[in-house]
Amino acid sequence: MRMLIQQAKKENMPKENVERAIKKATDKDVSENYREMVYEGYGPYGIAIVVETATDNPTRTVANIRSYFNKHGGSLGTTGSLEFLFDHKCVFRIAEKDGVSLEDLELDLIDYGVDEVLVDEDDILIYGEFTSYSDIQSYLEERGFEIHSAEFVRIPRETKTLNEEQRAQIEKLLEKFEEDDDVQNVFHNMAEEEEDEE
């Protein structure tokens, strides 16, 4: 829990959103009624979008998600229809540890379902199979690594490049999803904006 709060702060998530999420998760009466639902669809220009939600009212949530797609030139698809476009991974961000080389760490972690270990600023990023989350977490905790964050992500296998005007249209749709209280995460296959070359 502490790790998730730290991560939310790093992402500049508003305090009230964090508090609301904690209340949802800890309120017994509420949490028992919540279900995790994943919705998949296409935005304009063939951009694939996966929306992860936690809801106490799937009927309301699917209606909202469908309306966001429809109002912004997209369409809601069937569950599993876009799964082939994304790799479902777990990602751990950990502190570097004295006496442990990146190469040794990577060799050890291969047996735990990890497929990539890389340095990002002062941290080490570890990408593993979705199903390997608990094995990787146990390995890191047992060896005293400081875990800064741990999350599940959907990484697009291929991305689509759009022009500025097209990007703006997709970003409006993504914002609608992110403003919805039931939405936990949104993933898409739109390429990152390239920095202008001077």
Foldseek 3Di string as FASTA:
>chain_A
DVLVVLVCVVVVPDPVLVVVVVCCCPVVVNVVLWDWDKWWWAAPPRKIKIWIFIDSDVVVVVVLLQVLRVVLRMGTDDPPPCLVFWAKKKKWKWADDPPDDQVNVVVVCVVLFWDDWDDDVRIIMTIGHPVSVVVVVVVCVVVPIGTNHMDIDIHGPAADEDDPVVVVSVVVSVVSSVVDSGTDDMDIRHDDDDDDDD
